[in-house]
Amino acid sequence: AEKKSLLTKIFKKKTEVDNETKTNLQSSTSLTNIIPQSDLSKFYFTYDYENGTGELYMRVGIAIFSLCSMIDRSLSFVQMIEAYLNNPSILNDCKEIFILSLISKITSLLFIFIQTFFIFKYANIVINFGKNSAVLGLIHIVSTNFCVFFRTVVRETVEEIKHHHYPIVHGSKVHLIQDQHEESVHLTNTTMHPMKQLGCFKSVFFTSDISVGIIEAQERIGPYLYPCVIEYSLMCLTVFYILWSSIEQRYSENNRYGQWAIGNDEKTRVLNNQSKLQEQAHRFASFAHEKRHVNQFVIDCGKSTTGLFLGIFVLLFTLITLIVYFIYKNGNTNKAVQISEMTELLLVSLSFIIVISLLIKFKMAKFNYKPIFEMGYNETLTIVGLAGIYLFGFYSIIAILENGINSRIEMLSLSIQIASIVEATLQSVLIIEGLKMFTKDRFIKKDKPGRSMLTLLILLDVSLWLSETFSVKKYEMNTIQLDYYDIVFWSIVSSVSSPLAIFFRFHASVCLSDMWKTLYE
């Protein structure tokens, strides 16, 4: 009797589902009949959830980097206001340039804010309406981000060259030249700062506590904000390039939500394949519920606990060594450099072992590979970051070998550069191969081979990113290269390669987190 009652309930439920599917099928068919297919194509855009530009981790990274970029711009803006308040007579003769500079700073802040908002909301959109206008706009944004990238690199290079060639001496006399008149003032490091962006005088002095505080803040946090500005421009450039390349991209079976018409704030499904009408209608019926939860993330953390806690321990160890590095930085530079380099060598060596283990484990697990695979957002940025590691590493190796290995620091530097190049190459192979792997084997989905090590590798990359951002790529860490190369040459190489090498670590953690989430689905 219980079995019969259960079967009756199942049959009744199945009948209700069939009736609901039939109703949804009729409504979806009527929607496509209301608007002709030729007219419908003029009003729709799609979302591509497979191109990697809409990942949560990537968006959080862009938000952090955009915040750092806005802090950098805001400090410059406040500094210019302070310059005017303290030196109104000097700035009267160059009002036009001063006003244009202020407008430039304000529009730069607005651009960063609006661009970040757009990426958060529409990072994976595929534009199929107004192709010509979309192409023009996206090309302009790509070019703008490239110009910001290039200008930031040039500015940092010039700053480093000036820092080495024209150091400011405490208590020195500085001449302030404005057109034909000259004024001599007695200044120190805390009361003088160049104002290059105004373009109408060589230097200007400050007297207020606010001005001095702003200058000191810029000098202290500037080297740490600079890589973030570079990384932000690079990520945004790639996102908008992907949007540009995907204009008028049509629906494929890999797209989770399919192709949707947009008109009068109502999303209407375009039924392309009438032979699969019932299946398409079922997907249409579930879309409204699924779309409401598209920005809610459900994460299965199974088989990753061991790697998570080991990774937290590694991250804690990295933070402690960074604190020790900053304690010794001003007093005992050699000891600080040794601590930082030993930490990085340990992290890179551990990462190398894990990458080799993952490559072997994935090979033994016999994952499937996507038959058609194109270089997308994640793969492109991985290769760009790898190029930065190659550029910095090979030039550093040449300098160390030519100078000769005469101390422990030189031996550590050589070991780090060789290990970093090998490890980054293997990790790039792991990322590019892993992003095109999938499985239909239920045993692999259950056992999740390698997931714990993937978790540990993600946190290792985050630790390396923090270590390199705050210590390893700074000039006090590169005295060997500075002794061997000309200051101008090494400033150019370092300003280009260091942000890319640092960015590689962050983006590798983004790609690995994507693998961690999707590889076992």
Protein backbone atom coordinates (compact mmCIF):
# COMPACT_ATOMS: atom_id res chain seq x y z
CA ALA A 1 0.00 0.00 0.00
CA GLU A 2 2.87 2.36 0.85
CA LYS A 3 4.62 1.56 -2.46
CA LYS A 4 1.38 2.15 -4.36
CA SER A 5 0.86 5.48 -2.59
CA LEU A 6 4.46 6.53 -3.35
CA LEU A 7 4.07 5.59 -7.03
CA THR A 8 0.83 7.59 -7.20
CA LYS A 9 2.59 10.67 -5.79
CA ILE A 10 5.48 10.30 -8.25
CA PHE A 11 3.07 9.93 -11.21
CA LYS A 12 1.07 12.97 -10.07
CA LYS A 13 4.27 15.04 -9.68
CA LYS A 14 5.44 13.96 -13.15
CA THR A 15 2.08 14.98 -14.63
CA GLU A 16 2.33 18.42 -13.00
CA VAL A 17 5.88 18.91 -14.34
CA ASP A 18 4.79 17.85 -17.86
CA ASN A 19 1.85 20.28 -17.78
CA GLU A 20 4.11 23.11 -16.57
CA THR A 21 6.65 22.34 -19.32
CA LYS A 22 3.88 22.32 -21.93
CA THR A 23 2.58 25.69 -20.70
CA ASN A 24 6.07 27.20 -20.77
CA LEU A 25 6.62 25.76 -24.25
CA GLN A 26 3.48 27.45 -25.53
CA SER A 27 4.36 30.79 -23.92
CA SER A 28 7.94 30.72 -25.22
CA THR A 29 6.74 29.82 -28.73
CA SER A 30 4.22 32.67 -28.66
CA LEU A 31 6.94 35.11 -27.61
CA THR A 32 9.06 34.24 -30.61
CA ASN A 33 6.03 34.53 -32.89
CA ILE A 34 5.21 38.02 -31.62
CA ILE A 35 8.53 39.46 -32.85
CA PRO A 36 9.97 38.26 -36.18
CA GLN A 37 13.43 36.69 -35.99
CA SER A 38 14.91 39.36 -38.30
CA ASP A 39 13.69 42.16 -36.02
CA LEU A 40 14.51 40.29 -32.81
CA SER A 41 18.23 40.14 -33.66
CA LYS A 42 18.40 43.94 -33.56
CA PHE A 43 17.60 44.15 -29.84
CA TYR A 44 19.55 41.43 -28.08
CA PHE A 45 22.87 40.81 -26.38
CA THR A 46 24.17 37.68 -24.69
CA TYR A 47 26.31 36.72 -21.73
CA ASP A 48 29.30 34.43 -22.17
CA TYR A 49 29.94 32.63 -18.89
CA GLU A 50 32.84 30.63 -20.31
CA ASN A 51 35.37 33.35 -21.20
CA GLY A 52 36.73 33.85 -17.65
CA THR A 53 36.05 37.59 -17.42
CA GLY A 54 33.17 37.25 -14.98
CA GLU A 55 34.88 35.26 -12.23
CA LEU A 56 34.39 36.53 -8.68
CA TYR A 57 38.10 36.36 -7.82
CA MET A 58 38.99 38.40 -10.91
CA ARG A 59 36.40 41.05 -10.06
CA VAL A 60 37.62 41.30 -6.47
CA GLY A 61 41.19 41.73 -7.76
CA ILE A 62 40.14 44.50 -10.12
CA ALA A 63 38.27 46.20 -7.27
CA ILE A 64 41.38 46.13 -5.05
CA PHE A 65 43.66 47.40 -7.81
CA SER A 66 41.19 50.11 -8.78
CA LEU A 67 41.09 51.27 -5.15
CA CYS A 68 44.89 51.55 -5.14
CA SER A 69 44.79 53.45 -8.45
CA MET A 70 42.22 55.90 -7.07
CA ILE A 71 44.33 56.43 -3.94
CA ASP A 72 47.32 57.25 -6.16
CA ARG A 73 45.29 59.74 -8.22
CA SER A 74 43.63 61.24 -5.13
CA LEU A 75 46.97 61.95 -3.46
CA SER A 76 48.17 63.75 -6.59
CA PHE A 77 44.91 65.73 -6.75
CA VAL A 78 45.09 66.83 -3.10
CA GLN A 79 48.76 67.68 -3.54
CA MET A 80 47.94 69.99 -6.46
CA ILE A 81 45.25 71.76 -4.42
CA GLU A 82 47.75 72.23 -1.60
CA ALA A 83 50.29 73.57 -4.10
CA TYR A 84 47.83 76.23 -5.21
CA LEU A 85 46.84 77.19 -1.66
CA ASN A 86 50.48 77.57 -0.59
CA ASN A 87 51.80 79.17 -3.80
CA PRO A 88 48.95 81.14 -5.43
CA SER A 89 51.22 83.86 -6.81
CA ILE A 90 53.52 81.35 -8.49
CA LEU A 91 50.66 79.47 -10.13
CA ASN A 92 48.86 82.54 -11.47
CA ASP A 93 51.01 82.60 -14.60
CA CYS A 94 50.11 79.03 -15.53
CA LYS A 95 46.43 78.87 -14.63
CA GLU A 96 45.45 77.13 -17.87
CA ILE A 97 47.86 74.24 -17.36
CA PHE A 98 46.94 74.00 -13.70
CA ILE A 99 43.20 73.84 -14.47
CA LEU A 100 43.75 71.26 -17.20
CA SER A 101 45.80 69.17 -14.79
CA LEU A 102 43.03 69.32 -12.20
CA ILE A 103 40.44 68.30 -14.79
CA SER A 104 42.72 65.45 -15.85
CA LYS A 105 42.98 64.16 -12.28
CA ILE A 106 39.21 64.37 -11.72
CA THR A 107 38.33 62.65 -15.01
CA SER A 108 40.94 59.98 -14.28
CA LEU A 109 39.25 59.21 -10.96
CA LEU A 110 35.82 59.09 -12.61
CA PHE A 111 37.14 56.88 -15.40
CA ILE A 112 38.59 54.34 -12.95
CA PHE A 113 35.38 54.28 -10.88
CA ILE A 114 33.00 53.93 -13.86
CA GLN A 115 35.21 51.39 -15.61
CA THR A 116 35.36 49.23 -12.48
CA PHE A 117 31.56 49.45 -12.12
CA PHE A 118 31.11 48.41 -15.76
CA ILE A 119 33.43 45.42 -15.36
CA PHE A 120 31.59 44.28 -12.24
CA LYS A 121 28.24 44.45 -14.03
CA TYR A 122 29.03 43.58 -17.66
CA ALA A 123 32.41 41.81 -17.72
CA ASN A 124 31.03 38.85 -19.68
CA ILE A 125 28.58 40.61 -21.98
CA VAL A 126 28.55 39.84 -25.72
CA ILE A 127 27.36 42.89 -27.68
CA ASN A 128 25.26 42.17 -30.76
CA PHE A 129 23.60 45.53 -31.31
CA GLY A 130 25.26 48.68 -32.64
CA LYS A 131 28.37 46.85 -33.79
CA ASN A 132 30.18 49.89 -35.23
CA SER A 133 29.64 52.05 -32.15
CA ALA A 134 30.62 49.17 -29.86
CA VAL A 135 33.84 48.53 -31.79
CA LEU A 136 34.76 52.21 -31.70
CA GLY A 137 34.08 52.51 -27.97
CA LEU A 138 35.87 49.31 -26.99
CA ILE A 139 38.94 50.14 -29.11
CA HIS A 140 39.06 53.54 -27.40
CA ILE A 141 38.90 51.98 -23.92
CA VAL A 142 41.56 49.39 -24.80
CA SER A 143 43.81 52.17 -26.11
CA THR A 144 43.16 54.31 -23.03
CA ASN A 145 44.17 51.52 -20.67
CA PHE A 146 47.28 50.84 -22.73
CA CYS A 147 48.20 54.54 -22.58
CA VAL A 148 47.72 54.54 -18.80
CA PHE A 149 49.92 51.43 -18.59
CA PHE A 150 52.64 52.98 -20.78
CA ARG A 151 52.53 56.38 -19.08
CA THR A 152 52.78 54.82 -15.62
CA VAL A 153 55.81 52.77 -16.66
CA VAL A 154 57.51 55.84 -18.15
CA ARG A 155 56.71 57.96 -15.09
CA GLU A 156 58.11 55.35 -12.71
CA THR A 157 61.24 54.93 -14.85
CA VAL A 158 61.89 58.69 -14.84
CA GLU A 159 61.29 58.86 -11.09
CA GLU A 160 63.83 56.12 -10.41
CA ILE A 161 66.44 57.70 -12.69
CA LYS A 162 66.00 61.07 -10.97
CA HIS A 163 66.11 59.42 -7.57
CA HIS A 164 69.55 57.95 -8.34
CA HIS A 165 71.02 60.88 -10.26
CA TYR A 166 69.59 63.83 -8.31
CA PRO A 167 69.15 62.89 -4.65
CA ILE A 168 67.85 65.66 -2.42
CA VAL A 169 70.24 66.67 0.33
CA HIS A 170 68.90 67.83 3.68
CA GLY A 171 69.30 71.51 4.29
CA SER A 172 70.36 72.35 0.74
CA LYS A 173 69.55 75.53 -1.15
CA VAL A 174 66.97 75.03 -3.89
CA HIS A 175 66.28 77.66 -6.55
CA LEU A 176 62.71 78.19 -7.64
CA ILE A 177 62.59 79.42 -11.24
CA GLN A 178 59.43 80.89 -12.71
CA ASP A 179 59.81 82.40 -16.19
CA GLN A 180 62.31 85.28 -15.80
CA HIS A 181 62.44 85.67 -12.03
CA GLU A 182 64.39 83.55 -9.55
CA GLU A 183 63.87 83.09 -5.87
CA SER A 184 66.20 81.29 -3.46
CA VAL A 185 64.68 79.43 -0.56
CA HIS A 186 66.11 77.18 2.14
CA LEU A 187 64.36 73.80 1.98
CA THR A 188 64.66 70.27 3.26
CA ASN A 189 63.29 66.94 2.14
CA THR A 190 60.15 67.49 4.14
CA THR A 191 59.39 70.90 2.68
CA MET A 192 60.18 70.53 -1.01
CA HIS A 193 58.72 68.32 -3.69
CA PRO A 194 58.81 68.61 -7.50
CA MET A 195 55.53 69.39 -9.20
CA LYS A 196 56.21 68.06 -12.69
CA GLN A 197 52.56 67.70 -13.61
CA LEU A 198 51.98 71.46 -13.67
CA GLY A 199 54.63 71.86 -16.37
CA CYS A 200 55.34 75.57 -15.87
CA PHE A 201 58.06 75.57 -13.19
CA LYS A 202 60.80 73.30 -11.94
CA SER A 203 59.89 72.97 -8.26
CA VAL A 204 57.61 74.34 -5.60
CA PHE A 205 57.86 74.35 -1.83
CA PHE A 206 55.25 73.53 0.81
CA THR A 207 54.93 74.81 4.34
CA SER A 208 51.70 73.36 5.75
CA ASP A 209 51.59 70.16 7.78
CA ILE A 210 49.01 68.73 5.36
CA SER A 211 51.36 69.22 2.40
CA VAL A 212 54.26 67.60 4.21
CA GLY A 213 52.05 64.68 5.22
CA ILE A 214 50.83 64.15 1.66
CA ILE A 215 54.37 64.18 0.30
CA GLU A 216 55.57 61.72 2.93
CA ALA A 217 52.60 59.45 2.21
CA GLN A 218 53.35 59.50 -1.51
CA GLU A 219 57.00 58.68 -0.94
CA ARG A 220 56.18 55.78 1.38
CA ILE A 221 53.27 54.10 -0.39
CA GLY A 222 54.06 55.14 -3.97
CA PRO A 223 56.30 52.12 -4.72
CA TYR A 224 53.51 49.80 -3.56
CA LEU A 225 50.73 51.58 -5.45
CA TYR A 226 52.67 51.59 -8.72
CA PRO A 227 52.41 47.81 -9.39
CA CYS A 228 48.69 47.95 -8.57
CA VAL A 229 48.12 50.69 -11.17
CA ILE A 230 49.97 48.60 -13.76
CA GLU A 231 48.02 45.45 -12.87
CA TYR A 232 44.70 47.29 -12.96
CA SER A 233 45.38 48.75 -16.42
CA LEU A 234 46.54 45.38 -17.72
CA MET A 235 43.48 43.51 -16.44
CA CYS A 236 41.04 46.12 -17.74
CA LEU A 237 42.81 46.24 -21.10
CA THR A 238 42.42 42.47 -21.48
CA VAL A 239 38.77 42.46 -20.35
CA PHE A 240 37.77 45.05 -22.93
CA TYR A 241 39.86 43.33 -25.60
CA ILE A 242 37.89 40.12 -24.94
CA LEU A 243 34.63 42.10 -25.19
CA TRP A 244 35.84 43.60 -28.46
CA SER A 245 36.80 40.22 -29.93
CA SER A 246 33.46 38.67 -28.89
CA ILE A 247 31.19 41.22 -30.62
CA GLU A 248 28.37 39.41 -32.47
CA GLN A 249 29.46 36.08 -31.05
CA ARG A 250 26.54 33.68 -31.51
CA TYR A 251 25.08 31.17 -29.10
CA SER A 252 26.91 27.89 -28.54
CA GLU A 253 25.94 24.86 -26.48
CA ASN A 254 28.72 25.71 -24.01
CA ASN A 255 26.94 28.94 -23.08
CA ARG A 256 25.04 28.32 -19.89
CA TYR A 257 22.12 30.65 -20.48
CA GLY A 258 21.92 30.72 -24.24
CA GLN A 259 20.88 33.63 -26.43
CA TRP A 260 18.48 36.22 -25.04
CA ALA A 261 16.55 39.03 -26.63
CA ILE A 262 16.37 42.35 -24.78
CA GLY A 263 13.35 44.53 -25.39
CA ASN A 264 11.10 46.61 -23.12
CA ASP A 265 13.07 45.33 -20.11
CA GLU A 266 11.88 41.79 -20.86
CA LYS A 267 14.22 38.90 -21.64
CA THR A 268 12.84 36.61 -24.37
CA ARG A 269 14.40 33.33 -25.39
CA VAL A 270 15.37 32.90 -29.06
CA LEU A 271 14.58 29.32 -30.03
CA ASN A 272 17.09 28.47 -32.73
CA ASN A 273 16.71 24.71 -32.87
CA GLN A 274 13.08 23.64 -33.18
CA SER A 275 14.04 19.94 -32.99
CA LYS A 276 14.98 20.50 -29.33
CA LEU A 277 11.93 22.59 -28.53
CA GLN A 278 10.92 20.70 -25.41
CA GLU A 279 14.44 20.82 -23.94
CA GLN A 280 14.73 24.51 -24.77
CA ALA A 281 11.34 25.21 -23.19
CA HIS A 282 12.41 23.46 -19.99
CA ARG A 283 15.54 25.63 -19.89
CA PHE A 284 13.37 28.68 -20.55
CA ALA A 285 11.11 27.75 -17.66
CA SER A 286 14.03 27.48 -15.26
CA PHE A 287 15.80 30.63 -16.48
CA ALA A 288 13.81 33.13 -14.42
CA HIS A 289 14.67 31.31 -11.20
CA GLU A 290 18.29 30.67 -12.23
CA LYS A 291 18.89 34.22 -13.42
CA ARG A 292 17.86 35.64 -10.06
CA HIS A 293 20.64 33.63 -8.45
CA VAL A 294 23.31 34.12 -11.11
CA ASN A 295 25.44 36.24 -8.74
CA GLN A 296 25.09 33.87 -5.80
CA PHE A 297 28.02 31.49 -5.42
CA VAL A 298 27.76 28.01 -3.96
CA ILE A 299 31.21 26.56 -3.27
CA ASP A 300 31.92 22.91 -2.49
CA CYS A 301 35.06 22.82 -0.32
CA GLY A 302 35.28 19.04 -0.23
CA LYS A 303 38.74 17.42 -0.37
CA SER A 304 40.53 20.74 0.21
CA THR A 305 40.73 21.13 3.99
CA THR A 306 44.34 19.95 4.35
CA GLY A 307 45.60 22.24 1.61
CA LEU A 308 43.59 25.15 3.01
CA PHE A 309 45.13 24.96 6.48
CA LEU A 310 48.65 24.36 5.15
CA GLY A 311 48.16 27.37 2.87
CA ILE A 312 47.00 29.51 5.79
CA PHE A 313 50.15 28.50 7.67
CA VAL A 314 52.32 29.47 4.65
CA LEU A 315 50.50 32.80 4.34
CA LEU A 316 51.03 33.50 8.05
CA PHE A 317 54.73 32.63 7.72
CA THR A 318 55.04 35.04 4.76
CA LEU A 319 53.40 37.89 6.69
CA ILE A 320 55.73 37.34 9.66
CA THR A 321 58.83 37.43 7.43
CA LEU A 322 57.56 40.62 5.79
CA ILE A 323 57.22 42.24 9.22
CA VAL A 324 60.78 41.16 10.09
CA TYR A 325 61.98 42.49 6.72
CA PHE A 326 60.55 45.94 7.42
CA ILE A 327 62.04 45.93 10.94
CA TYR A 328 65.55 45.32 9.57
CA LYS A 329 65.10 47.35 6.37
CA ASN A 330 66.34 50.70 7.71
CA GLY A 331 68.90 49.37 10.18
CA ASN A 332 70.50 46.26 8.65
CA THR A 333 69.75 46.17 4.92
CA ASN A 334 71.83 43.06 4.17
CA LYS A 335 70.01 41.02 6.80
CA ALA A 336 66.64 42.25 5.52
CA VAL A 337 67.57 41.26 1.96
CA GLN A 338 68.69 37.79 3.08
CA ILE A 339 65.46 37.20 5.01
CA SER A 340 63.34 38.27 2.05
CA GLU A 341 65.27 36.21 -0.50
CA MET A 342 65.34 33.08 1.67
CA THR A 343 61.57 33.39 2.12
CA GLU A 344 60.97 33.72 -1.61
CA LEU A 345 63.29 30.81 -2.43
CA LEU A 346 61.45 28.61 0.07
CA LEU A 347 58.04 29.57 -1.36
CA VAL A 348 59.13 29.09 -4.98
CA SER A 349 60.70 25.69 -4.19
CA LEU A 350 57.55 24.50 -2.43
CA SER A 351 55.43 25.76 -5.32
CA PHE A 352 57.67 23.90 -7.79
CA ILE A 353 57.18 20.60 -5.93
CA ILE A 354 53.39 21.05 -5.83
CA VAL A 355 53.17 21.97 -9.53
CA ILE A 356 55.14 18.83 -10.51
CA SER A 357 52.90 16.70 -8.26
CA LEU A 358 49.73 18.19 -9.78
CA LEU A 359 50.93 17.62 -13.35
CA ILE A 360 51.61 13.95 -12.52
CA LYS A 361 48.32 13.51 -10.63
CA PHE A 362 46.22 15.06 -13.41
CA LYS A 363 47.99 12.89 -15.98
CA MET A 364 47.24 9.76 -13.97
CA ALA A 365 43.60 10.79 -13.39
CA LYS A 366 43.02 10.86 -17.17
CA PHE A 367 40.92 14.01 -17.44
CA ASN A 368 39.16 14.82 -20.70
CA TYR A 369 40.15 17.83 -22.83
CA LYS A 370 37.91 20.27 -24.64
CA PRO A 371 38.13 19.54 -28.39
CA ILE A 372 38.11 23.24 -29.34
CA PHE A 373 40.14 25.59 -27.20
CA GLU A 374 41.04 29.21 -27.88
CA MET A 375 43.38 31.53 -26.01
CA GLY A 376 41.06 33.45 -23.74
CA TYR A 377 41.30 36.02 -20.97
CA ASN A 378 43.11 33.88 -18.41
CA GLU A 379 45.57 32.31 -20.84
CA THR A 380 46.51 35.67 -22.38
CA LEU A 381 47.25 37.31 -19.03
CA THR A 382 49.19 34.25 -17.87
CA ILE A 383 51.53 34.49 -20.85
CA VAL A 384 51.93 38.27 -20.41
CA GLY A 385 52.88 37.79 -16.75
CA LEU A 386 55.25 34.96 -17.66
CA ALA A 387 57.01 37.29 -20.12
CA GLY A 388 57.67 39.67 -17.21
CA ILE A 389 59.25 36.87 -15.16
CA TYR A 390 61.44 35.89 -18.12
CA LEU A 391 62.55 39.47 -18.74
CA PHE A 392 63.41 40.19 -15.10
CA GLY A 393 64.91 36.76 -14.48
CA PHE A 394 67.21 36.46 -17.50
CA TYR A 395 68.63 39.98 -17.13
CA SER A 396 69.22 39.32 -13.42
CA ILE A 397 70.97 36.01 -14.13
CA ILE A 398 73.28 37.67 -16.67
CA ALA A 399 74.21 40.40 -14.18
CA ILE A 400 74.88 37.93 -11.35
CA LEU A 401 77.03 35.60 -13.48
CA GLU A 402 79.01 38.47 -14.99
CA ASN A 403 79.70 40.03 -11.58
CA GLY A 404 80.63 36.68 -10.08
CA ILE A 405 79.19 34.91 -7.05
CA ASN A 406 81.10 36.28 -4.08
CA SER A 407 78.51 36.28 -1.30
CA ARG A 408 75.47 34.47 0.05
CA ILE A 409 73.14 37.17 -1.30
CA GLU A 410 74.40 36.63 -4.86
CA MET A 411 73.97 32.87 -4.52
CA LEU A 412 70.44 33.32 -3.19
CA SER A 413 69.57 35.77 -5.99
CA LEU A 414 70.82 33.38 -8.68
CA SER A 415 68.92 30.44 -7.17
CA ILE A 416 65.72 32.49 -6.91
CA GLN A 417 65.82 33.66 -10.54
CA ILE A 418 66.48 30.17 -11.94
CA ALA A 419 63.84 28.56 -9.70
CA SER A 420 61.29 31.29 -10.52
CA ILE A 421 61.72 30.88 -14.29
CA VAL A 422 61.38 27.07 -14.13
CA GLU A 423 58.49 27.11 -11.66
CA ALA A 424 56.56 29.84 -13.50
CA THR A 425 56.95 27.99 -16.81
CA LEU A 426 55.62 24.74 -15.36
CA GLN A 427 52.80 26.55 -13.57
CA SER A 428 51.81 28.25 -16.84
CA VAL A 429 51.65 24.82 -18.49
CA LEU A 430 49.51 23.57 -15.59
CA ILE A 431 47.14 26.55 -15.91
CA ILE A 432 46.73 26.40 -19.69
CA GLU A 433 46.24 22.63 -19.62
CA GLY A 434 43.99 22.73 -16.56
CA LEU A 435 41.64 25.36 -17.98
CA LYS A 436 40.71 23.08 -20.87
CA MET A 437 40.30 19.92 -18.78
CA PHE A 438 36.99 18.46 -17.63
CA THR A 439 35.67 15.11 -16.51
CA LYS A 440 32.55 13.00 -16.77
CA ASP A 441 33.93 10.27 -14.53
CA ARG A 442 31.84 10.09 -11.36
CA PHE A 443 34.76 8.57 -9.41
CA ILE A 444 36.98 11.57 -10.24
CA LYS A 445 34.14 13.93 -9.27
CA LYS A 446 33.82 12.12 -5.97
CA ASP A 447 37.52 11.69 -5.10
CA LYS A 448 38.65 15.09 -6.52
CA PRO A 449 42.31 14.14 -7.05
CA GLY A 450 44.72 17.03 -6.54
CA ARG A 451 42.18 19.48 -5.13
CA SER A 452 43.92 19.83 -1.77
CA MET A 453 47.23 20.59 -3.50
CA LEU A 454 45.45 23.10 -5.76
CA THR A 455 44.21 24.89 -2.65
CA LEU A 456 47.73 25.03 -1.23
CA LEU A 457 49.13 26.28 -4.56
CA ILE A 458 46.56 29.10 -4.68
CA LEU A 459 47.61 30.35 -1.24
CA LEU A 460 51.29 29.93 -2.18
CA ASP A 461 50.77 32.21 -5.17
CA VAL A 462 49.01 34.75 -2.95
CA SER A 463 51.95 34.57 -0.52
CA LEU A 464 54.46 35.08 -3.35
CA TRP A 465 52.39 37.99 -4.67
CA LEU A 466 52.48 39.69 -1.25
CA SER A 467 56.19 38.99 -0.80
CA GLU A 468 57.16 40.34 -4.21
CA THR A 469 54.86 43.35 -3.94
CA PHE A 470 56.29 44.53 -0.62
CA SER A 471 59.93 43.54 -0.84
CA VAL A 472 61.54 41.44 -3.53
CA LYS A 473 61.32 43.70 -6.59
CA LYS A 474 62.40 46.90 -4.80
CA TYR A 475 65.67 48.62 -5.69
CA GLU A 476 67.47 47.73 -2.47
CA MET A 477 66.95 44.11 -3.50
CA ASN A 478 68.56 44.63 -6.92
CA THR A 479 71.94 46.16 -6.12
CA ILE A 480 73.74 43.55 -8.25
CA GLN A 481 71.76 44.53 -11.34
CA LEU A 482 72.28 48.24 -10.60
CA ASP A 483 76.05 47.73 -10.35
CA TYR A 484 76.23 45.83 -13.64
CA TYR A 485 73.77 47.71 -15.86
CA ASP A 486 73.44 51.40 -16.53
CA ILE A 487 70.87 53.01 -14.25
CA VAL A 488 68.73 54.11 -17.19
CA PHE A 489 68.69 50.64 -18.77
CA TRP A 490 67.90 48.79 -15.55
CA SER A 491 65.23 51.33 -14.60
CA ILE A 492 63.46 50.65 -17.90
CA VAL A 493 63.78 46.86 -17.59
CA SER A 494 62.67 46.84 -13.96
CA SER A 495 59.75 49.24 -14.47
CA VAL A 496 58.38 47.07 -17.29
CA SER A 497 59.12 43.57 -15.98
CA SER A 498 58.59 43.89 -12.20
CA PRO A 499 54.84 44.72 -12.31
CA LEU A 500 54.27 41.93 -14.85
CA ALA A 501 56.20 39.43 -12.73
CA ILE A 502 54.25 40.46 -9.63
CA PHE A 503 51.00 40.31 -11.59
CA PHE A 504 51.77 36.74 -12.72
CA ARG A 505 51.48 35.53 -9.13
CA PHE A 506 48.13 37.18 -8.56
CA HIS A 507 46.66 36.06 -11.86
CA ALA A 508 47.96 32.51 -11.40
CA SER A 509 45.95 32.33 -8.18
CA VAL A 510 42.88 33.57 -10.12
CA CYS A 511 43.27 30.86 -12.78
CA LEU A 512 43.94 28.14 -10.21
CA SER A 513 40.83 29.15 -8.25
CA ASP A 514 38.83 28.79 -11.48
CA MET A 515 40.31 25.30 -11.95
CA TRP A 516 39.59 24.49 -8.31
CA LYS A 517 35.92 25.34 -8.81
CA THR A 518 35.19 23.90 -12.28
CA LEU A 519 37.59 20.98 -12.76
CA TYR A 520 35.53 18.51 -10.74
CA GLU A 521 32.01 19.67 -11.72
